[in-house]
C-alpha atoms as a PDB file:
ATOM      1  CA  MET A   1      -7.920   3.795 -23.787  1.00  0.00           C
ATOM      2  CA  ASP A   2      -4.489   6.085 -24.103  1.00  0.00           C
ATOM      3  CA  LYS A   3      -1.444   3.951 -25.106  1.00  0.00           C
ATOM      4  CA  ALA A   4       0.917   5.236 -22.900  1.00  0.00           C
ATOM      5  CA  LEU A   5      -1.142   5.213 -20.059  1.00  0.00           C
ATOM      6  CA  MET A   6      -2.097   1.234 -20.114  1.00  0.00           C
ATOM      7  CA  LEU A   7       1.498   0.515 -20.684  1.00  0.00           C
ATOM      8  CA  SER A   8       2.398   2.660 -17.555  1.00  0.00           C
ATOM      9  CA  LEU A   9      -0.127   0.954 -15.740  1.00  0.00           C
ATOM     10  CA  TYR A  10       0.855  -2.254 -16.688  1.00  0.00           C
ATOM     11  CA  ARG A  11       4.488  -1.174 -16.004  1.00  0.00           C
ATOM     12  CA  ASP A  12       3.733  -0.045 -12.249  1.00  0.00           C
ATOM     13  CA  MET A  13       1.849  -3.214 -11.452  1.00  0.00           C
ATOM     14  CA  VAL A  14       4.620  -5.481 -12.839  1.00  0.00           C
ATOM     15  CA  ARG A  15       7.080  -3.516 -10.992  1.00  0.00           C
ATOM     16  CA  ILE A  16       5.233  -3.957  -7.651  1.00  0.00           C
ATOM     17  CA  ARG A  17       5.353  -7.987  -8.621  1.00  0.00           C
ATOM     18  CA  ARG A  18       8.622  -8.472  -8.958  1.00  0.00           C
ATOM     19  CA  PHE A  19       9.496  -6.360  -6.200  1.00  0.00           C
ATOM     20  CA  GLU A  20       7.079  -8.264  -3.869  1.00  0.00           C
ATOM     21  CA  GLU A  21       8.755 -11.447  -5.004  1.00  0.00           C
ATOM     22  CA  GLU A  22      11.814 -10.322  -4.339  1.00  0.00           C
ATOM     23  CA  ALA A  23      11.103  -9.379  -1.003  1.00  0.00           C
ATOM     24  CA  ALA A  24       9.824 -12.747  -0.493  1.00  0.00           C
ATOM     25  CA  ARG A  25      12.984 -14.793  -1.523  1.00  0.00           C
ATOM     26  CA  SER A  26      15.462 -12.112   0.625  1.00  0.00           C
ATOM     27  CA  TYR A  27      13.404 -12.831   3.476  1.00  0.00           C
ATOM     28  CA  SER A  28      13.725 -16.114   3.312  1.00  0.00           C
ATOM     29  CA  ARG A  29      17.346 -15.867   3.155  1.00  0.00           C
ATOM     30  CA  GLY A  30      17.474 -13.697   6.397  1.00  0.00           C
ATOM     31  CA  LYS A  31      17.947 -10.525   4.586  1.00  0.00           C
ATOM     32  CA  MET A  32      15.485  -8.700   6.630  1.00  0.00           C
ATOM     33  CA  GLY A  33      13.452  -9.074  10.033  1.00  0.00           C
ATOM     34  CA  GLY A  34      10.281  -8.764  11.306  1.00  0.00           C
ATOM     35  CA  PHE A  35       7.124  -9.293   9.680  1.00  0.00           C
ATOM     36  CA  LEU A  36       6.770  -9.058   5.706  1.00  0.00           C
ATOM     37  CA  HIS A  37       2.939  -8.192   3.961  1.00  0.00           C
ATOM     38  CA  LEU A  38       3.020  -8.848   0.701  1.00  0.00           C
ATOM     39  CA  TYR A  39       0.885  -7.265  -1.932  1.00  0.00           C
ATOM     40  CA  VAL A  40       0.577  -9.984  -4.562  1.00  0.00           C
ATOM     41  CA  GLY A  41      -2.561 -10.146  -6.075  1.00  0.00           C
ATOM     42  CA  GLN A  42      -3.539  -6.332  -5.031  1.00  0.00           C
ATOM     43  CA  GLU A  43      -1.625  -4.492  -7.233  1.00  0.00           C
ATOM     44  CA  ALA A  44      -4.417  -3.136  -9.597  1.00  0.00           C
ATOM     45  CA  VAL A  45      -5.897  -1.631  -6.466  1.00  0.00           C
ATOM     46  CA  ALA A  46      -2.870   0.788  -5.590  1.00  0.00           C
ATOM     47  CA  VAL A  47      -1.583   1.597  -9.387  1.00  0.00           C
ATOM     48  CA  GLY A  48      -5.187   2.512 -10.629  1.00  0.00           C
ATOM     49  CA  ALA A  49      -6.266   4.479  -7.637  1.00  0.00           C
ATOM     50  CA  ILE A  50      -2.647   6.580  -6.954  1.00  0.00           C
ATOM     51  CA  SER A  51      -3.006   7.115 -10.797  1.00  0.00           C
ATOM     52  CA  ALA A  52      -6.380   8.924 -10.278  1.00  0.00           C
ATOM     53  CA  ALA A  53      -4.723  11.088  -7.765  1.00  0.00           C
ATOM     54  CA  GLU A  54      -2.772  14.316  -8.076  1.00  0.00           C
ATOM     55  CA  PRO A  55       0.841  14.267  -7.009  1.00  0.00           C
ATOM     56  CA  THR A  56       0.174  17.046  -4.202  1.00  0.00           C
ATOM     57  CA  ASP A  57      -2.623  14.389  -2.772  1.00  0.00           C
ATOM     58  CA  TYR A  58      -2.165  12.725   0.606  1.00  0.00           C
ATOM     59  CA  ILE A  59      -1.777   8.733   0.406  1.00  0.00           C
ATOM     60  CA  VAL A  60      -2.085   6.980   3.776  1.00  0.00           C
ATOM     61  CA  ALA A  61      -2.032   3.033   3.636  1.00  0.00           C
ATOM     62  CA  THR A  62      -1.718   0.270   6.170  1.00  0.00           C
ATOM     63  CA  TYR A  63       1.091  -1.892   6.874  1.00  0.00           C
ATOM     64  CA  ARG A  64       0.657  -3.838   3.236  1.00  0.00           C
ATOM     65  CA  GLU A  65       1.772  -0.820   1.407  1.00  0.00           C
ATOM     66  CA  HIS A  66       4.881  -1.791  -0.493  1.00  0.00           C
ATOM     67  CA  GLY A  67       2.215  -1.398  -3.497  1.00  0.00           C
ATOM     68  CA  HIS A  68       1.192   2.038  -2.523  1.00  0.00           C
ATOM     69  CA  TYR A  69       4.545   3.182  -1.808  1.00  0.00           C
ATOM     70  CA  LEU A  70       5.962   2.183  -5.210  1.00  0.00           C
ATOM     71  CA  ALA A  71       2.472   3.162  -7.404  1.00  0.00           C
ATOM     72  CA  ARG A  72       3.541   7.201  -5.603  1.00  0.00           C
ATOM     73  CA  VAL A  73       6.914   7.058  -5.117  1.00  0.00           C
ATOM     74  CA  GLY A  74       8.749   4.617  -7.211  1.00  0.00           C
ATOM     75  CA  ASP A  75      12.154   4.332  -5.651  1.00  0.00           C
ATOM     76  CA  MET A  76      12.809   1.126  -4.794  1.00  0.00           C
ATOM     77  CA  LYS A  77      15.806   1.565  -3.755  1.00  0.00           C
ATOM     78  CA  ALA A  78      14.398   2.991  -0.961  1.00  0.00           C
ATOM     79  CA  ALA A  79      12.119   0.946  -0.435  1.00  0.00           C
ATOM     80  CA  MET A  80      14.437  -2.424  -0.634  1.00  0.00           C
ATOM     81  CA  ALA A  81      16.843  -0.514   1.567  1.00  0.00           C
ATOM     82  CA  GLU A  82      14.128   0.233   4.136  1.00  0.00           C
ATOM     83  CA  LEU A  83      13.197  -3.974   4.239  1.00  0.00           C
ATOM     84  CA  PHE A  84      16.995  -4.357   4.983  1.00  0.00           C
ATOM     85  CA  GLY A  85      17.141  -2.079   7.847  1.00  0.00           C
ATOM     86  CA  LYS A  86      19.562   0.334   6.026  1.00  0.00           C
ATOM     87  CA  ALA A  87      20.317   3.847   6.612  1.00  0.00           C
ATOM     88  CA  THR A  88      19.025   4.536   3.074  1.00  0.00           C
ATOM     89  CA  GLY A  89      15.774   3.146   3.141  1.00  0.00           C
ATOM     90  CA  CYS A  90      12.563   5.681   2.934  1.00  0.00           C
ATOM     91  CA  ALA A  91      12.533   5.249   6.793  1.00  0.00           C
ATOM     92  CA  LYS A  92      16.062   5.623   7.334  1.00  0.00           C
ATOM     93  CA  GLY A  93      16.255   1.682   8.176  1.00  0.00           C
ATOM     94  CA  ARG A  94      13.874   2.965  11.305  1.00  0.00           C
ATOM     95  CA  GLY A  95      10.492   1.606  10.440  1.00  0.00           C
ATOM     96  CA  GLY A  96      10.594  -1.685   7.916  1.00  0.00           C
ATOM     97  CA  SER A  97       8.262  -3.117   6.257  1.00  0.00           C
ATOM     98  CA  MET A  98       5.378  -1.418   7.842  1.00  0.00           C
ATOM     99  CA  HIS A  99       6.283   1.564   8.217  1.00  0.00           C
ATOM    100  CA  TYR A 100       7.288   3.157   4.823  1.00  0.00           C
ATOM    101  CA  PHE A 101       7.008   7.353   4.636  1.00  0.00           C
ATOM    102  CA  ASP A 102       8.027  10.075   2.236  1.00  0.00           C
ATOM    103  CA  VAL A 103       7.053  13.460   3.252  1.00  0.00           C
ATOM    104  CA  ALA A 104       7.846  15.183  -0.051  1.00  0.00           C
ATOM    105  CA  LYS A 105       5.918  12.736  -1.873  1.00  0.00           C
ATOM    106  CA  ARG A 106       3.295  13.111   0.654  1.00  0.00           C
ATOM    107  CA  PHE A 107       2.972   9.169   1.433  1.00  0.00           C
ATOM    108  CA  MET A 108       2.033   9.606   4.911  1.00  0.00           C
ATOM    109  CA  GLY A 109       3.260   6.307   5.744  1.00  0.00           C
ATOM    110  CA  GLY A 110       2.182   2.756   6.093  1.00  0.00           C
ATOM    111  CA  HIS A 111       0.625   2.026   9.743  1.00  0.00           C
ATOM    112  CA  ALA A 112       0.906  -1.055  11.574  1.00  0.00           C
ATOM    113  CA  ILE A 113      -1.906  -0.776  14.253  1.00  0.00           C
ATOM    114  CA  VAL A 114      -5.277  -2.137  11.824  1.00  0.00           C
ATOM    115  CA  GLY A 115      -7.895   0.727  11.551  1.00  0.00           C
ATOM    116  CA  GLY A 116      -5.678   3.285  13.506  1.00  0.00           C
ATOM    117  CA  HIS A 117      -4.340   5.392  10.763  1.00  0.00           C
ATOM    118  CA  VAL A 118      -8.457   5.482   9.294  1.00  0.00           C
ATOM    119  CA  PRO A 119      -8.738   9.075  11.875  1.00  0.00           C
ATOM    120  CA  ILE A 120      -5.038   9.969  11.127  1.00  0.00           C
ATOM    121  CA  ALA A 121      -6.386  10.394   7.344  1.00  0.00           C
ATOM    122  CA  ALA A 122      -9.549  12.487   8.485  1.00  0.00           C
ATOM    123  CA  GLY A 123      -7.055  14.267  10.786  1.00  0.00           C
ATOM    124  CA  ILE A 124      -4.566  15.261   7.377  1.00  0.00           C
ATOM    125  CA  ALA A 125      -8.071  16.038   5.178  1.00  0.00           C
ATOM    126  CA  PHE A 126      -9.342  17.540   7.578  1.00  0.00           C
ATOM    127  CA  ALA A 127      -5.733  20.292   7.774  1.00  0.00           C
ATOM    128  CA  SER A 128      -6.280  20.636   4.189  1.00  0.00           C
ATOM    129  CA  LYS A 129      -9.765  21.817   4.382  1.00  0.00           C
ATOM    130  CA  TYR A 130      -8.857  24.320   7.147  1.00  0.00           C
ATOM    131  CA  ARG A 131      -5.921  25.818   5.274  1.00  0.00           C
ATOM    132  CA  GLY A 132      -8.120  26.342   1.988  1.00  0.00           C
ATOM    133  CA  GLU A 133      -6.055  23.590  -0.124  1.00  0.00           C
ATOM    134  CA  HIS A 134      -7.683  21.380  -2.434  1.00  0.00           C
ATOM    135  CA  ASP A 135      -5.426  18.124  -1.734  1.00  0.00           C
ATOM    136  CA  VAL A 136      -7.540  15.255  -1.078  1.00  0.00           C
ATOM    137  CA  THR A 137      -6.562  12.161   1.147  1.00  0.00           C
ATOM    138  CA  LEU A 138      -6.513   8.786   0.016  1.00  0.00           C
ATOM    139  CA  CYS A 139      -7.136   6.070   2.732  1.00  0.00           C
ATOM    140  CA  PHE A 140      -6.093   2.503   1.683  1.00  0.00           C
ATOM    141  CA  PHE A 141      -7.145  -0.376   4.297  1.00  0.00           C
ATOM    142  CA  GLY A 142      -8.116  -3.797   4.294  1.00  0.00           C
ATOM    143  CA  GLU A 143     -11.636  -5.246   5.236  1.00  0.00           C
ATOM    144  CA  GLY A 144     -10.503  -6.753   8.698  1.00  0.00           C
ATOM    145  CA  THR A 145     -10.836  -2.431   9.680  1.00  0.00           C
ATOM    146  CA  ALA A 146     -14.230  -2.216   8.678  1.00  0.00           C
ATOM    147  CA  ASN A 147     -14.798  -3.754  12.359  1.00  0.00           C
ATOM    148  CA  MET A 148     -12.253  -1.664  14.422  1.00  0.00           C
ATOM    149  CA  GLY A 149     -13.828   1.246  16.780  1.00  0.00           C
ATOM    150  CA  ALA A 150     -11.158   3.350  15.100  1.00  0.00           C
ATOM    151  CA  PHE A 151     -12.351   2.895  11.628  1.00  0.00           C
ATOM    152  CA  HIS A 152     -15.816   4.466  12.256  1.00  0.00           C
ATOM    153  CA  GLU A 153     -14.550   7.164  14.404  1.00  0.00           C
ATOM    154  CA  GLY A 154     -12.104   8.588  11.241  1.00  0.00           C
ATOM    155  CA  MET A 155     -15.426   7.575   9.554  1.00  0.00           C
ATOM    156  CA  ALA A 156     -17.917   9.505  11.215  1.00  0.00           C
ATOM    157  CA  LEU A 157     -15.727  12.712  11.326  1.00  0.00           C
ATOM    158  CA  ALA A 158     -15.107  12.515   7.817  1.00  0.00           C
ATOM    159  CA  ALA A 159     -19.069  12.708   7.049  1.00  0.00           C
ATOM    160  CA  LEU A 160     -19.538  15.338   9.985  1.00  0.00           C
ATOM    161  CA  TRP A 161     -17.105  18.059   8.833  1.00  0.00           C
ATOM    162  CA  LYS A 162     -17.574  17.307   5.122  1.00  0.00           C
ATOM    163  CA  LEU A 163     -13.857  16.073   4.727  1.00  0.00           C
ATOM    164  CA  PRO A 164     -12.491  15.751   1.167  1.00  0.00           C
ATOM    165  CA  VAL A 165     -10.856  11.722   2.016  1.00  0.00           C
ATOM    166  CA  VAL A 166     -11.634   8.740  -0.263  1.00  0.00           C
ATOM    167  CA  PHE A 167     -11.491   5.658   1.815  1.00  0.00           C
ATOM    168  CA  ILE A 168     -10.460   2.956  -0.287  1.00  0.00           C
ATOM    169  CA  CYS A 169     -11.220  -0.846   1.425  1.00  0.00           C
ATOM    170  CA  GLU A 170      -9.103  -3.234  -0.421  1.00  0.00           C
ATOM    171  CA  ASN A 171     -11.462  -6.012   0.607  1.00  0.00           C
ATOM    172  CA  ASN A 172      -9.216  -9.207  -0.528  1.00  0.00           C
ATOM    173  CA  LEU A 173     -11.832 -11.943   1.942  1.00  0.00           C
ATOM    174  CA  TYR A 174      -9.269 -12.716   4.354  1.00  0.00           C
ATOM    175  CA  SER A 175      -9.130 -10.814   7.508  1.00  0.00           C
ATOM    176  CA  MET A 176      -5.534 -12.914   8.577  1.00  0.00           C
ATOM    177  CA  GLY A 177      -6.529 -16.134   8.479  1.00  0.00           C
ATOM    178  CA  THR A 178     -10.480 -15.728   8.945  1.00  0.00           C
ATOM    179  CA  PRO A 179     -12.917 -15.507   6.060  1.00  0.00           C
ATOM    180  CA  LEU A 180     -14.763 -12.617   5.362  1.00  0.00           C
ATOM    181  CA  TYR A 181     -18.202 -14.342   6.149  1.00  0.00           C
ATOM    182  CA  ARG A 182     -17.041 -15.002  10.200  1.00  0.00           C
ATOM    183  CA  THR A 183     -15.645 -11.307  10.703  1.00  0.00           C
ATOM    184  CA  LEU A 184     -18.232  -9.589   8.589  1.00  0.00           C
ATOM    185  CA  ALA A 185     -22.218  -9.336   9.399  1.00  0.00           C
ATOM    186  CA  VAL A 186     -22.941  -7.737   5.696  1.00  0.00           C
ATOM    187  CA  GLU A 187     -21.722  -8.609   2.530  1.00  0.00           C
ATOM    188  CA  ASP A 188     -20.519  -5.459   1.538  1.00  0.00           C
ATOM    189  CA  VAL A 189     -18.470  -3.542   3.382  1.00  0.00           C
ATOM    190  CA  ALA A 190     -19.410  -0.320   1.328  1.00  0.00           C
ATOM    191  CA  VAL A 191     -22.749  -0.877   2.927  1.00  0.00           C
ATOM    192  CA  ARG A 192     -21.165   0.494   6.644  1.00  0.00           C
ATOM    193  CA  ALA A 193     -21.323   3.575   4.833  1.00  0.00           C
ATOM    194  CA  LYS A 194     -24.745   4.254   5.074  1.00  0.00           C
ATOM    195  CA  GLY A 195     -24.582   4.856   8.718  1.00  0.00           C
ATOM    196  CA  TYR A 196     -23.195   8.027   8.592  1.00  0.00           C
ATOM    197  CA  PRO A 197     -24.391   8.849   5.603  1.00  0.00           C
ATOM    198  CA  MET A 198     -21.762   8.734   3.107  1.00  0.00           C
ATOM    199  CA  GLN A 199     -21.664   8.016  -0.582  1.00  0.00           C
ATOM    200  CA  GLN A 200     -20.205   4.184  -1.418  1.00  0.00           C
ATOM    201  CA  GLU A 201     -19.510   2.582  -4.163  1.00  0.00           C
ATOM    202  CA  ILE A 202     -18.348  -1.479  -4.973  1.00  0.00           C
ATOM    203  CA  ALA A 203     -15.521  -1.482  -8.036  1.00  0.00           C
ATOM    204  CA  ASN A 204     -13.644  -4.919  -9.425  1.00  0.00           C
ATOM    205  CA  GLY A 205     -10.790  -4.697  -7.365  1.00  0.00           C
ATOM    206  CA  ASP A 206      -8.613  -6.556 -10.287  1.00  0.00           C
ATOM    207  CA  ASP A 207      -9.339  -4.314 -12.915  1.00  0.00           C
ATOM    208  CA  VAL A 208      -6.994  -1.087 -12.799  1.00  0.00           C
ATOM    209  CA  LEU A 209      -9.178   0.677 -15.464  1.00  0.00           C
ATOM    210  CA  GLU A 210     -12.180  -0.048 -13.272  1.00  0.00           C
ATOM    211  CA  ILE A 211     -10.434   1.024 -10.051  1.00  0.00           C
ATOM    212  CA  ARG A 212      -8.939   4.171 -11.880  1.00  0.00           C
ATOM    213  CA  ASP A 213     -12.409   5.628 -13.150  1.00  0.00           C
ATOM    214  CA  THR A 214     -13.968   4.913 -10.076  1.00  0.00           C
ATOM    215  CA  VAL A 215     -11.485   6.114  -7.863  1.00  0.00           C
ATOM    216  CA  ARG A 216     -10.755   9.521 -10.023  1.00  0.00           C
ATOM    217  CA  ARG A 217     -14.960   9.899  -9.810  1.00  0.00           C
ATOM    218  CA  ALA A 218     -14.001   9.992  -6.141  1.00  0.00           C
ATOM    219  CA  VAL A 219     -11.707  12.510  -5.983  1.00  0.00           C
ATOM    220  CA  GLN A 220     -13.220  14.802  -8.326  1.00  0.00           C
ATOM    221  CA  ARG A 221     -15.962  14.818  -5.959  1.00  0.00           C
ATOM    222  CA  ALA A 222     -14.043  15.249  -2.987  1.00  0.00           C
ATOM    223  CA  ARG A 223     -12.056  18.074  -4.337  1.00  0.00           C
ATOM    224  CA  THR A 224     -14.937  19.934  -5.603  1.00  0.00           C
ATOM    225  CA  GLU A 225     -17.492  19.439  -2.866  1.00  0.00           C
ATOM    226  CA  SER A 226     -15.441  18.390   0.154  1.00  0.00           C
ATOM    227  CA  LEU A 227     -17.252  15.043   0.715  1.00  0.00           C
ATOM    228  CA  PRO A 228     -15.892  12.191   1.960  1.00  0.00           C
ATOM    229  CA  ILE A 229     -16.870   8.204  -0.110  1.00  0.00           C
ATOM    230  CA  LEU A 230     -16.465   4.638   0.401  1.00  0.00           C
ATOM    231  CA  VAL A 231     -14.979   2.608  -2.300  1.00  0.00           C
ATOM    232  CA  GLU A 232     -14.897  -0.920  -2.045  1.00  0.00           C
ATOM    233  CA  ALA A 233     -12.159  -2.644  -4.052  1.00  0.00           C
ATOM    234  CA  LYS A 234     -12.993  -6.357  -4.386  1.00  0.00           C
ATOM    235  CA  THR A 235      -9.588  -8.661  -4.502  1.00  0.00           C
ATOM    236  CA  TYR A 236      -7.388 -11.138  -3.736  1.00  0.00           C
ATOM    237  CA  ARG A 237      -4.238 -11.927  -1.846  1.00  0.00           C
ATOM    238  CA  PHE A 238      -2.460 -14.633  -3.633  1.00  0.00           C
ATOM    239  CA  ARG A 239      -0.373 -14.960  -0.837  1.00  0.00           C
ATOM    240  CA  GLY A 240      -0.872 -15.641   3.259  1.00  0.00           C
ATOM    241  CA  HIS A 241      -1.129 -12.711   5.540  1.00  0.00           C
ATOM    242  CA  SER A 242       2.324 -12.495   6.177  1.00  0.00           C
ATOM    243  CA  MET A 243       5.605 -14.710   5.666  1.00  0.00           C
ATOM    244  CA  SER A 244       4.733 -16.787   8.633  1.00  0.00           C
ATOM    245  CA  ASP A 245       1.334 -17.810   7.431  1.00  0.00           C
ATOM    246  CA  PRO A 246       1.503 -21.155   5.177  1.00  0.00           C
ATOM    247  CA  ALA A 247      -2.477 -20.239   4.426  1.00  0.00           C
ATOM    248  CA  LYS A 248      -3.559 -23.309   4.943  1.00  0.00           C
ATOM    249  CA  TYR A 249      -7.228 -22.193   5.465  1.00  0.00           C
ATOM    250  CA  ARG A 250      -7.625 -21.707   2.271  1.00  0.00           C
ATOM    251  CA  THR A 251      -7.975 -24.328  -1.403  1.00  0.00           C
ATOM    252  CA  LYS A 252      -5.849 -24.235  -3.679  1.00  0.00           C
ATOM    253  CA  GLN A 253      -8.553 -24.521  -6.076  1.00  0.00           C
ATOM    254  CA  GLU A 254      -9.754 -21.354  -4.665  1.00  0.00           C
ATOM    255  CA  VAL A 255      -6.348 -19.407  -5.074  1.00  0.00           C
ATOM    256  CA  ASP A 256      -6.454 -21.151  -8.750  1.00  0.00           C
ATOM    257  CA  GLU A 257      -9.567 -19.617  -9.309  1.00  0.00           C
ATOM    258  CA  TRP A 258      -8.622 -16.226  -8.386  1.00  0.00           C
ATOM    259  CA  LYS A 259      -5.111 -16.508 -10.306  1.00  0.00           C
ATOM    260  CA  LYS A 260      -7.532 -16.386 -13.341  1.00  0.00           C
ATOM    261  CA  ARG A 261      -8.484 -12.940 -12.735  1.00  0.00           C
ATOM    262  CA  ASP A 262      -4.646 -11.990 -11.783  1.00  0.00           C
ATOM    263  CA  PRO A 263      -5.013  -8.198 -12.623  1.00  0.00           C
ATOM    264  CA  ILE A 264      -1.457  -8.108 -14.595  1.00  0.00           C
ATOM    265  CA  TYR A 265      -2.559 -10.842 -16.763  1.00  0.00           C
ATOM    266  CA  LEU A 266      -6.003  -8.928 -17.111  1.00  0.00           C
ATOM    267  CA  LEU A 267      -4.490  -6.179 -18.399  1.00  0.00           C
ATOM    268  CA  GLU A 268      -1.958  -8.252 -20.466  1.00  0.00           C
ATOM    269  CA  GLN A 269      -4.911  -9.536 -22.547  1.00  0.00           C
ATOM    270  CA  ARG A 270      -6.233  -6.182 -22.759  1.00  0.00           C
ATOM    271  CA  ILE A 271      -3.463  -4.599 -24.119  1.00  0.00           C
ATOM    272  CA  PHE A 272      -2.886  -7.246 -26.710  1.00  0.00           C
ATOM    273  CA  GLY A 273      -6.484  -7.002 -27.660  1.00  0.00           C
ATOM    274  CA  LEU A 274      -6.379  -3.378 -28.807  1.00  0.00           C
ATOM    275  CA  GLY A 275      -3.020  -3.840 -30.152  1.00  0.00           C
ATOM    276  CA  MET A 276      -1.048  -1.680 -28.024  1.00  0.00           C
ATOM    277  CA  ALA A 277       1.714  -4.075 -27.380  1.00  0.00           C
ATOM    278  CA  THR A 278       3.179  -7.312 -28.202  1.00  0.00           C
ATOM    279  CA  GLU A 279       4.365 -10.157 -26.113  1.00  0.00           C
ATOM    280  CA  GLU A 280       7.853  -9.032 -26.750  1.00  0.00           C
ATOM    281  CA  GLN A 281       6.943  -5.542 -25.598  1.00  0.00           C
ATOM    282  CA  LEU A 282       5.491  -6.985 -22.435  1.00  0.00           C
ATOM    283  CA  LYS A 283       8.480  -9.432 -21.763  1.00  0.00           C
ATOM    284  CA  THR A 284      10.819  -6.354 -22.041  1.00  0.00           C
ATOM    285  CA  ILE A 285       9.139  -4.343 -19.312  1.00  0.00           C
ATOM    286  CA  ASP A 286       8.821  -7.368 -17.120  1.00  0.00           C
ATOM    287  CA  ALA A 287      12.566  -7.602 -17.665  1.00  0.00           C
ATOM    288  CA  GLU A 288      13.285  -4.096 -16.957  1.00  0.00           C
ATOM    289  CA  ALA A 289      11.610  -4.298 -13.559  1.00  0.00           C
ATOM    290  CA  LYS A 290      13.333  -7.831 -12.916  1.00  0.00           C
ATOM    291  CA  ALA A 291      16.355  -5.936 -13.510  1.00  0.00           C
ATOM    292  CA  GLU A 292      15.521  -3.033 -11.558  1.00  0.00           C
ATOM    293  CA  VAL A 293      14.751  -5.105  -8.413  1.00  0.00           C
ATOM    294  CA  ALA A 294      18.121  -6.563  -8.937  1.00  0.00           C
ATOM    295  CA  GLU A 295      19.795  -2.994  -8.656  1.00  0.00           C
ATOM    296  CA  ALA A 296      17.722  -2.412  -5.231  1.00  0.00           C
ATOM    297  CA  VAL A 297      19.106  -5.625  -3.758  1.00  0.00           C
ATOM    298  CA  ALA A 298      22.504  -5.214  -4.603  1.00  0.00           C
ATOM    299  CA  PHE A 299      22.225  -0.887  -3.118  1.00  0.00           C
ATOM    300  CA  ALA A 300      20.209  -2.484   0.171  1.00  0.00           C
ATOM    301  CA  ASP A 301      23.250  -5.284   0.339  1.00  0.00           C
ATOM    302  CA  GLU A 302      26.102  -2.742   0.056  1.00  0.00           C
ATOM    303  CA  SER A 303      23.954  -0.239   1.730  1.00  0.00           C
ATOM    304  CA  PRO A 304      25.483   1.007   5.585  1.00  0.00           C
ATOM    305  CA  ALA A 305      23.100   0.150   8.820  1.00  0.00           C
ATOM    306  CA  PRO A 306      21.698   3.197  10.827  1.00  0.00           C
ATOM    307  CA  ASP A 307      24.567   4.683  13.217  1.00  0.00           C
ATOM    308  CA  PRO A 308      23.688   3.913  16.647  1.00  0.00           C
ATOM    309  CA  SER A 309      24.990   7.088  17.688  1.00  0.00           C
ATOM    310  CA  GLU A 310      21.594   8.091  15.581  1.00  0.00           C
ATOM    311  CA  LEU A 311      19.461   6.333  18.473  1.00  0.00           C
ATOM    312  CA  TYR A 312      17.711   9.564  19.346  1.00  0.00           C
ATOM    313  CA  ASP A 313      17.291  11.043  16.014  1.00  0.00           C
ATOM    314  CA  HIS A 314      13.369  11.312  14.947  1.00  0.00           C
ATOM    315  CA  VAL A 315      11.880  10.938  18.188  1.00  0.00           C
ATOM    316  CA  TYR A 316       8.916  13.509  19.489  1.00  0.00           C
ATOM    317  CA  ALA A 317      11.132  14.464  22.772  1.00  0.00           C
ATOM    318  CA  GLN A 318      14.431  15.723  22.528  1.00  0.00           C
ATOM    319  CA  THR A 319      16.724  14.016  25.105  1.00  0.00           C
ATOM    320  CA  GLN A 320      20.528  13.557  26.176  1.00  0.00           C
ATOM    321  CA  PRO A 321      21.784  10.330  24.335  1.00  0.00           C
ATOM    322  CA  ASP A 322      22.426   7.176  26.594  1.00  0.00           C
ATOM    323  CA  GLU A 323      26.044   6.055  26.416  1.00  0.00           C
ATOM    324  CA  LYS A 324      24.992   2.823  27.921  1.00  0.00           C
ATOM    325  CA  ILE A 325      22.375   1.684  25.594  1.00  0.00           C
ATOM    326  CA  ILE A 326      24.425   3.311  22.157  1.00  0.00           C
ATOM    327  CA  SER A 327      27.296   0.919  23.560  1.00  0.00           C
ATOM    328  CA  LEU A 328      25.122  -1.940  23.673  1.00  0.00           C
ATOM    329  CA  ALA A 329      23.634  -1.168  20.151  1.00  0.00           C
ATOM    330  CA  GLN A 330      27.294  -0.494  18.910  1.00  0.00           C
ATOM    331  CA  ARG A 331      27.917  -4.278  20.094  1.00  0.00           C
ATOM    332  CA  ALA A 332      25.264  -5.713  18.739  1.00  0.00           C
ATOM    333  CA  ARG A 333      26.058  -4.267  15.436  1.00  0.00           C
ATOM    334  CA  GLN A 334      29.360  -5.334  15.367  1.00  0.00           C
ATOM    335  CA  ALA A 335      28.282  -8.722  16.306  1.00  0.00           C
ATOM    336  CA  GLY A 336      25.898  -9.080  12.826  1.00  0.00           C
END
C-alpha cells in the first residue's frame, strides 16, 4: 500500500477516463471518422496489468486499446492526433482508433481482427524465448475472442512451446451486443485454459490492486519458468460496443448497478480510507487530466494531415507511387 503507487494508479485511470470522454465528444463533432471503441469502465485492467510488467515487456491489444496505449506509452497528444487522422499520431494518422502502435515502448499495436492478434502475441513471445531474452508478452482481448479459432491456435502454441506470455481476457460480459450466456458454453472463460493445459486465474477486473497483484504473479512465473497463463478479469464497459451502438440491449438498472463498481470510485474510496490523499488532492489530479486532454485536442486540431506523397510509405512492398492516386488524394485533402 505505497502512497506514490496508489496515486500513480489513480492518475493513470483518470487520464484514460477523461481521454475517452473527450474522444466521444470529438467523434460526435465530426473530428474523426471510422470506428471508436471506448474503454470507459475497464480502466483498472489495463492500468493494473501494465503496471505489473517491466518496460521491456511487450503489450499486444485489440481494437479497444486506447487505455492500454495510455497506460504503457502515456502520450496523450499522439493518441488524440491518431484519432484525428493526423501525421503526428502514434501511427502517423494511418491507423486511427483501432491501430495504435509504438515499437520503441514495445506497444505492438491494437488489432482490429477479433482474435487475430493472439497468435501474434505467441509469436512475439516465441521470438523472446528464441533469442534468450527474458521479456514477457501481455496479450489483452475480450471474451468474444475466446470463441475464435485464432485464439485456440495461439493458446495451443503457447502451451506447446512453453512461451512467456500472459493472456488477459477482459470479460465485460458482452460480445458487441450479445450477452455472454448466449455466446459461451461455460461460465468462465478461464476454464478454456484447461484444454491445453495451461494455468488459469480469475480476478476482479474492477479492482486495480487485485489485477496488479494477479498479473504480477503471472508475469513473474512467465519470466522465470517460461510458461503461459490465462487471466480472466471480470469487468464491465459503461458505454456501447462502439460509438454507433446505443446499447439498448442492456437495462439502465443493470448499468447503474455496475457503475457502483466503477474502478476509479473504488480506488478513490480506498485512498480515502487509508488517509493517503484528500478529496481536494484527487480533484487536482482530475483537473490536471482534463487540462492535458484539452491540450491534446488542441495539438490534434493544429497538426497537419499526412502528406499524400507519403501514401506508399510504410507498406510491405516497395512500389513506385501512382501519380493518379496521389492526385486524387491531394484533391480530397483540399476539399476537406
